[in-house]
Amino acid sequence: MADAGARVRVVALRGGDNLIKRMTEMGLNVGSELIVRQRQGGGGLVVSRGETRYALGGGMAHKVMVERCET
């Protein structure tokens, strides 16, 4: 539930094997640092990792466990 503009680190991925495989293939794996670019209604997010942006629906976003990165 990070706010827009927050820098976060992925600490765990919850969900089934297929969802975890899909996320890791996209580059959203444990240890990745992301920036929350935009929060959308229904729990969806737009996040970026480097120059790549990802749009995550509410269901997928709630399965990515993160912690704030120290600035």
PDB file of N, CA and C in Angstrom:
ATOM      1  N   MET A   1       0.834  -1.191   0.000  1.00  0.00           N
ATOM      2  CA  MET A   1       0.000   0.000   0.000  1.00  0.00           C
ATOM      3  C   MET A   1       0.871   1.245   0.000  1.00  0.00           C
ATOM      4  N   ALA A   2       1.903   1.252  -0.809  1.00  0.00           N
ATOM      5  CA  ALA A   2       2.816   2.391  -0.879  1.00  0.00           C
ATOM      6  C   ALA A   2       2.179   3.538  -1.652  1.00  0.00           C
ATOM      7  N   ASP A   3       2.558   4.749  -1.295  1.00  0.00           N
ATOM      8  CA  ASP A   3       2.051   5.937  -1.959  1.00  0.00           C
ATOM      9  C   ASP A   3       2.811   6.201  -3.252  1.00  0.00           C
ATOM     10  N   ALA A   4       2.202   6.991  -4.129  1.00  0.00           N
ATOM     11  CA  ALA A   4       2.857   7.382  -5.371  1.00  0.00           C
ATOM     12  C   ALA A   4       4.155   8.109  -5.037  1.00  0.00           C
ATOM     13  N   GLY A   5       5.210   7.784  -5.762  1.00  0.00           N
ATOM     14  CA  GLY A   5       6.512   8.385  -5.541  1.00  0.00           C
ATOM     15  C   GLY A   5       7.399   7.609  -4.593  1.00  0.00           C
ATOM     16  N   ALA A   6       6.845   6.606  -3.908  1.00  0.00           N
ATOM     17  CA  ALA A   6       7.624   5.829  -2.937  1.00  0.00           C
ATOM     18  C   ALA A   6       8.594   4.883  -3.639  1.00  0.00           C
ATOM     19  N   ARG A   7       9.787   4.758  -3.078  1.00  0.00           N
ATOM     20  CA  ARG A   7      10.770   3.782  -3.562  1.00  0.00           C
ATOM     21  C   ARG A   7      10.687   2.585  -2.632  1.00  0.00           C
ATOM     22  N   VAL A   8      10.432   1.399  -3.204  1.00  0.00           N
ATOM     23  CA  VAL A   8      10.226   0.194  -2.402  1.00  0.00           C
ATOM     24  C   VAL A   8      11.080  -0.951  -2.932  1.00  0.00           C
ATOM     25  N   ARG A   9      11.294  -1.952  -2.072  1.00  0.00           N
ATOM     26  CA  ARG A   9      12.025  -3.170  -2.442  1.00  0.00           C
ATOM     27  C   ARG A   9      11.094  -4.353  -2.262  1.00  0.00           C
ATOM     28  N   VAL A  10      11.054  -5.247  -3.240  1.00  0.00           N
ATOM     29  CA  VAL A  10      10.219  -6.442  -3.167  1.00  0.00           C
ATOM     30  C   VAL A  10      10.848  -7.408  -2.174  1.00  0.00           C
ATOM     31  N   VAL A  11      10.066  -7.821  -1.162  1.00  0.00           N
ATOM     32  CA  VAL A  11      10.585  -8.753  -0.158  1.00  0.00           C
ATOM     33  C   VAL A  11       9.956 -10.136  -0.286  1.00  0.00           C
ATOM     34  N   ALA A  12       8.796 -10.245  -0.938  1.00  0.00           N
ATOM     35  CA  ALA A  12       8.151 -11.548  -1.124  1.00  0.00           C
ATOM     36  C   ALA A  12       7.096 -11.437  -2.209  1.00  0.00           C
ATOM     37  N   LEU A  13       6.849 -12.550  -2.865  1.00  0.00           N
ATOM     38  CA  LEU A  13       5.774 -12.667  -3.840  1.00  0.00           C
ATOM     39  C   LEU A  13       4.823 -13.740  -3.351  1.00  0.00           C
ATOM     40  N   ARG A  14       3.561 -13.409  -3.236  1.00  0.00           N
ATOM     41  CA  ARG A  14       2.543 -14.357  -2.789  1.00  0.00           C
ATOM     42  C   ARG A  14       1.727 -14.771  -3.998  1.00  0.00           C
ATOM     43  N   GLY A  15       1.238 -15.969  -3.975  1.00  0.00           N
ATOM     44  CA  GLY A  15       0.407 -16.430  -5.079  1.00  0.00           C
ATOM     45  C   GLY A  15       0.850 -17.799  -5.546  1.00  0.00           C
ATOM     46  N   GLY A  16       0.197 -18.270  -6.583  1.00  0.00           N
ATOM     47  CA  GLY A  16       0.510 -19.580  -7.131  1.00  0.00           C
ATOM     48  C   GLY A  16       1.791 -19.577  -7.949  1.00  0.00           C
ATOM     49  N   ASP A  17       2.223 -20.749  -8.337  1.00  0.00           N
ATOM     50  CA  ASP A  17       3.462 -20.900  -9.100  1.00  0.00           C
ATOM     51  C   ASP A  17       3.422 -20.121 -10.411  1.00  0.00           C
ATOM     52  N   ASN A  18       2.279 -20.152 -11.100  1.00  0.00           N
ATOM     53  CA  ASN A  18       2.185 -19.457 -12.382  1.00  0.00           C
ATOM     54  C   ASN A  18       2.309 -17.949 -12.217  1.00  0.00           C
ATOM     55  N   LEU A  19       1.685 -17.405 -11.203  1.00  0.00           N
ATOM     56  CA  LEU A  19       1.762 -15.960 -10.976  1.00  0.00           C
ATOM     57  C   LEU A  19       3.187 -15.556 -10.598  1.00  0.00           C
ATOM     58  N   ILE A  20       3.824 -16.316  -9.734  1.00  0.00           N
ATOM     59  CA  ILE A  20       5.197 -16.000  -9.337  1.00  0.00           C
ATOM     60  C   ILE A  20       6.131 -16.098 -10.536  1.00  0.00           C
ATOM     61  N   LYS A  21       5.955 -17.122 -11.366  1.00  0.00           N
ATOM     62  CA  LYS A  21       6.776 -17.274 -12.569  1.00  0.00           C
ATOM     63  C   LYS A  21       6.578 -16.087 -13.506  1.00  0.00           C
ATOM     64  N   ARG A  22       5.342 -15.678 -13.682  1.00  0.00           N
ATOM     65  CA  ARG A  22       5.038 -14.553 -14.567  1.00  0.00           C
ATOM     66  C   ARG A  22       5.695 -13.263 -14.058  1.00  0.00           C
ATOM     67  N   MET A  23       5.600 -13.030 -12.758  1.00  0.00           N
ATOM     68  CA  MET A  23       6.198 -11.823 -12.181  1.00  0.00           C
ATOM     69  C   MET A  23       7.720 -11.827 -12.322  1.00  0.00           C
ATOM     70  N   THR A  24       8.348 -12.951 -12.030  1.00  0.00           N
ATOM     71  CA  THR A  24       9.808 -13.007 -12.122  1.00  0.00           C
ATOM     72  C   THR A  24      10.272 -12.881 -13.569  1.00  0.00           C
ATOM     73  N   GLU A  25       9.523 -13.407 -14.507  1.00  0.00           N
ATOM     74  CA  GLU A  25       9.878 -13.250 -15.914  1.00  0.00           C
ATOM     75  C   GLU A  25       9.776 -11.793 -16.353  1.00  0.00           C
ATOM     76  N   MET A  26       8.885 -11.040 -15.729  1.00  0.00           N
ATOM     77  CA  MET A  26       8.738  -9.617 -16.024  1.00  0.00           C
ATOM     78  C   MET A  26       9.850  -8.809 -15.354  1.00  0.00           C
ATOM     79  N   GLY A  27      10.558  -9.379 -14.400  1.00  0.00           N
ATOM     80  CA  GLY A  27      11.612  -8.674 -13.696  1.00  0.00           C
ATOM     81  C   GLY A  27      11.203  -8.207 -12.313  1.00  0.00           C
ATOM     82  N   LEU A  28      10.018  -8.602 -11.865  1.00  0.00           N
ATOM     83  CA  LEU A  28       9.561  -8.232 -10.524  1.00  0.00           C
ATOM     84  C   LEU A  28       9.876  -9.382  -9.572  1.00  0.00           C
ATOM     85  N   ASN A  29      11.148  -9.507  -9.222  1.00  0.00           N
ATOM     86  CA  ASN A  29      11.556 -10.596  -8.345  1.00  0.00           C
ATOM     87  C   ASN A  29      11.993 -10.056  -6.992  1.00  0.00           C
ATOM     88  N   VAL A  30      12.155 -10.939  -6.036  1.00  0.00           N
ATOM     89  CA  VAL A  30      12.552 -10.552  -4.687  1.00  0.00           C
ATOM     90  C   VAL A  30      13.894  -9.827  -4.760  1.00  0.00           C
ATOM     91  N   GLY A  31      13.948  -8.681  -4.102  1.00  0.00           N
ATOM     92  CA  GLY A  31      15.159  -7.863  -4.104  1.00  0.00           C
ATOM     93  C   GLY A  31      15.107  -6.708  -5.090  1.00  0.00           C
ATOM     94  N   SER A  32      14.154  -6.731  -6.018  1.00  0.00           N
ATOM     95  CA  SER A  32      14.028  -5.652  -7.001  1.00  0.00           C
ATOM     96  C   SER A  32      13.602  -4.363  -6.320  1.00  0.00           C
ATOM     97  N   GLU A  33      14.171  -3.248  -6.765  1.00  0.00           N
ATOM     98  CA  GLU A  33      13.747  -1.942  -6.280  1.00  0.00           C
ATOM     99  C   GLU A  33      12.824  -1.314  -7.309  1.00  0.00           C
ATOM    100  N   LEU A  34      11.686  -0.829  -6.833  1.00  0.00           N
ATOM    101  CA  LEU A  34      10.660  -0.255  -7.696  1.00  0.00           C
ATOM    102  C   LEU A  34      10.308   1.136  -7.205  1.00  0.00           C
ATOM    103  N   ILE A  35       9.771   1.936  -8.105  1.00  0.00           N
ATOM    104  CA  ILE A  35       9.207   3.232  -7.738  1.00  0.00           C
ATOM    105  C   ILE A  35       7.728   3.185  -8.094  1.00  0.00           C
ATOM    106  N   VAL A  36       6.873   3.518  -7.145  1.00  0.00           N
ATOM    107  CA  VAL A  36       5.437   3.571  -7.396  1.00  0.00           C
ATOM    108  C   VAL A  36       5.173   4.869  -8.150  1.00  0.00           C
ATOM    109  N   ARG A  37       4.728   4.767  -9.379  1.00  0.00           N
ATOM    110  CA  ARG A  37       4.497   5.937 -10.219  1.00  0.00           C
ATOM    111  C   ARG A  37       3.083   6.473 -10.080  1.00  0.00           C
ATOM    112  N   GLN A  38       2.118   5.558  -9.950  1.00  0.00           N
ATOM    113  CA  GLN A  38       0.722   5.984  -9.920  1.00  0.00           C
ATOM    114  C   GLN A  38      -0.120   4.933  -9.220  1.00  0.00           C
ATOM    115  N   ARG A  39      -1.048   5.392  -8.389  1.00  0.00           N
ATOM    116  CA  ARG A  39      -2.029   4.507  -7.758  1.00  0.00           C
ATOM    117  C   ARG A  39      -3.339   4.696  -8.492  1.00  0.00           C
ATOM    118  N   GLN A  40      -4.016   3.593  -8.758  1.00  0.00           N
ATOM    119  CA  GLN A  40      -5.268   3.656  -9.496  1.00  0.00           C
ATOM    120  C   GLN A  40      -6.392   3.124  -8.628  1.00  0.00           C
ATOM    121  N   GLY A  41      -7.609   3.477  -8.980  1.00  0.00           N
ATOM    122  CA  GLY A  41      -8.762   2.954  -8.258  1.00  0.00           C
ATOM    123  C   GLY A  41      -8.801   1.439  -8.319  1.00  0.00           C
ATOM    124  N   GLY A  42      -9.331   0.811  -7.294  1.00  0.00           N
ATOM    125  CA  GLY A  42      -9.406  -0.642  -7.260  1.00  0.00           C
ATOM    126  C   GLY A  42      -8.123  -1.311  -6.824  1.00  0.00           C
ATOM    127  N   GLY A  43      -7.134  -0.524  -6.378  1.00  0.00           N
ATOM    128  CA  GLY A  43      -5.901  -1.112  -5.872  1.00  0.00           C
ATOM    129  C   GLY A  43      -4.812  -1.285  -6.899  1.00  0.00           C
ATOM    130  N   GLY A  44      -5.045  -0.908  -8.147  1.00  0.00           N
ATOM    131  CA  GLY A  44      -4.033  -1.056  -9.188  1.00  0.00           C
ATOM    132  C   GLY A  44      -2.908  -0.052  -9.020  1.00  0.00           C
ATOM    133  N   LEU A  45      -1.760  -0.380  -9.588  1.00  0.00           N
ATOM    134  CA  LEU A  45      -0.566   0.461  -9.496  1.00  0.00           C
ATOM    135  C   LEU A  45       0.153   0.514 -10.826  1.00  0.00           C
ATOM    136  N   VAL A  46       0.866   1.587 -11.038  1.00  0.00           N
ATOM    137  CA  VAL A  46       1.877   1.649 -12.089  1.00  0.00           C
ATOM    138  C   VAL A  46       3.195   1.802 -11.361  1.00  0.00           C
ATOM    139  N   VAL A  47       4.116   0.867 -11.601  1.00  0.00           N
ATOM    140  CA  VAL A  47       5.426   0.898 -10.960  1.00  0.00           C
ATOM    141  C   VAL A  47       6.495   0.886 -12.039  1.00  0.00           C
ATOM    142  N   SER A  48       7.679   1.334 -11.679  1.00  0.00           N
ATOM    143  CA  SER A  48       8.775   1.282 -12.640  1.00  0.00           C
ATOM    144  C   SER A  48       9.990   0.634 -12.006  1.00  0.00           C
ATOM    145  N   ARG A  49      10.733  -0.012 -12.860  1.00  0.00           N
ATOM    146  CA  ARG A  49      12.027  -0.593 -12.483  1.00  0.00           C
ATOM    147  C   ARG A  49      12.987  -0.187 -13.588  1.00  0.00           C
ATOM    148  N   GLY A  50      13.868   0.703 -13.264  1.00  0.00           N
ATOM    149  CA  GLY A  50      14.732   1.262 -14.305  1.00  0.00           C
ATOM    150  C   GLY A  50      13.878   2.083 -15.258  1.00  0.00           C
ATOM    151  N   GLU A  51      13.998   1.807 -16.551  1.00  0.00           N
ATOM    152  CA  GLU A  51      13.236   2.531 -17.569  1.00  0.00           C
ATOM    153  C   GLU A  51      11.930   1.834 -17.931  1.00  0.00           C
ATOM    154  N   THR A  52      11.648   0.705 -17.311  1.00  0.00           N
ATOM    155  CA  THR A  52      10.461  -0.085 -17.637  1.00  0.00           C
ATOM    156  C   THR A  52       9.345   0.186 -16.647  1.00  0.00           C
ATOM    157  N   ARG A  53       8.147   0.395 -17.173  1.00  0.00           N
ATOM    158  CA  ARG A  53       6.967   0.608 -16.323  1.00  0.00           C
ATOM    159  C   ARG A  53       6.048  -0.598 -16.440  1.00  0.00           C
ATOM    160  N   TYR A  54       5.435  -0.953 -15.319  1.00  0.00           N
ATOM    161  CA  TYR A  54       4.510  -2.076 -15.249  1.00  0.00           C
ATOM    162  C   TYR A  54       3.187  -1.593 -14.679  1.00  0.00           C
ATOM    163  N   ALA A  55       2.092  -1.993 -15.280  1.00  0.00           N
ATOM    164  CA  ALA A  55       0.763  -1.726 -14.729  1.00  0.00           C
ATOM    165  C   ALA A  55       0.298  -3.020 -14.067  1.00  0.00           C
ATOM    166  N   LEU A  56       0.026  -2.954 -12.780  1.00  0.00           N
ATOM    167  CA  LEU A  56      -0.415  -4.123 -12.025  1.00  0.00           C
ATOM    168  C   LEU A  56      -1.849  -3.907 -11.578  1.00  0.00           C
ATOM    169  N   GLY A  57      -2.699  -4.877 -11.853  1.00  0.00           N
ATOM    170  CA  GLY A  57      -4.062  -4.818 -11.356  1.00  0.00           C
ATOM    171  C   GLY A  57      -4.074  -4.989  -9.845  1.00  0.00           C
ATOM    172  N   GLY A  58      -5.201  -4.677  -9.233  1.00  0.00           N
ATOM    173  CA  GLY A  58      -5.313  -4.748  -7.778  1.00  0.00           C
ATOM    174  C   GLY A  58      -4.973  -6.112  -7.218  1.00  0.00           C
ATOM    175  N   GLY A  59      -5.455  -7.179  -7.855  1.00  0.00           N
ATOM    176  CA  GLY A  59      -5.189  -8.533  -7.363  1.00  0.00           C
ATOM    177  C   GLY A  59      -3.712  -8.868  -7.364  1.00  0.00           C
ATOM    178  N   MET A  60      -3.032  -8.523  -8.452  1.00  0.00           N
ATOM    179  CA  MET A  60      -1.599  -8.810  -8.551  1.00  0.00           C
ATOM    180  C   MET A  60      -0.805  -7.904  -7.607  1.00  0.00           C
ATOM    181  N   ALA A  61      -1.188  -6.647  -7.523  1.00  0.00           N
ATOM    182  CA  ALA A  61      -0.463  -5.703  -6.673  1.00  0.00           C
ATOM    183  C   ALA A  61      -0.496  -6.129  -5.210  1.00  0.00           C
ATOM    184  N   HIS A  62      -1.597  -6.694  -4.765  1.00  0.00           N
ATOM    185  CA  HIS A  62      -1.717  -7.114  -3.366  1.00  0.00           C
ATOM    186  C   HIS A  62      -0.886  -8.352  -3.055  1.00  0.00           C
ATOM    187  N   LYS A  63      -0.337  -9.001  -4.072  1.00  0.00           N
ATOM    188  CA  LYS A  63       0.476 -10.194  -3.855  1.00  0.00           C
ATOM    189  C   LYS A  63       1.976  -9.894  -3.891  1.00  0.00           C
ATOM    190  N   VAL A  64       2.303  -8.630  -4.086  1.00  0.00           N
ATOM    191  CA  VAL A  64       3.701  -8.205  -4.061  1.00  0.00           C
ATOM    192  C   VAL A  64       3.946  -7.533  -2.723  1.00  0.00           C
ATOM    193  N   MET A  65       4.731  -8.167  -1.853  1.00  0.00           N
ATOM    194  CA  MET A  65       5.032  -7.629  -0.538  1.00  0.00           C
ATOM    195  C   MET A  65       6.302  -6.796  -0.642  1.00  0.00           C
ATOM    196  N   VAL A  66       6.240  -5.548  -0.156  1.00  0.00           N
ATOM    197  CA  VAL A  66       7.370  -4.634  -0.287  1.00  0.00           C
ATOM    198  C   VAL A  66       7.708  -3.983   1.042  1.00  0.00           C
ATOM    199  N   GLU A  67       8.895  -3.389   1.088  1.00  0.00           N
ATOM    200  CA  GLU A  67       9.311  -2.539   2.206  1.00  0.00           C
ATOM    201  C   GLU A  67       9.894  -1.272   1.616  1.00  0.00           C
ATOM    202  N   ARG A  68       9.774  -0.197   2.356  1.00  0.00           N
ATOM    203  CA  ARG A  68      10.337   1.085   1.886  1.00  0.00           C
ATOM    204  C   ARG A  68      11.857   1.009   1.851  1.00  0.00           C
ATOM    205  N   CYS A  69      12.427   1.590   0.821  1.00  0.00           N
ATOM    206  CA  CYS A  69      13.888   1.704   0.730  1.00  0.00           C
ATOM    207  C   CYS A  69      14.305   2.968   1.459  1.00  0.00           C
ATOM    208  N   GLU A  70      15.431   2.908   2.098  1.00  0.00           N
ATOM    209  CA  GLU A  70      15.979   4.088   2.764  1.00  0.00           C
ATOM    210  C   GLU A  70      16.513   5.023   1.688  1.00  0.00           C
ATOM    211  N   THR A  71      16.263   6.306   1.858  1.00  0.00           N
ATOM    212  CA  THR A  71      16.718   7.275   0.853  1.00  0.00           C
ATOM    213  C   THR A  71      18.088   7.817   1.168  1.00  0.00           C
TER     214      THR A  71
END
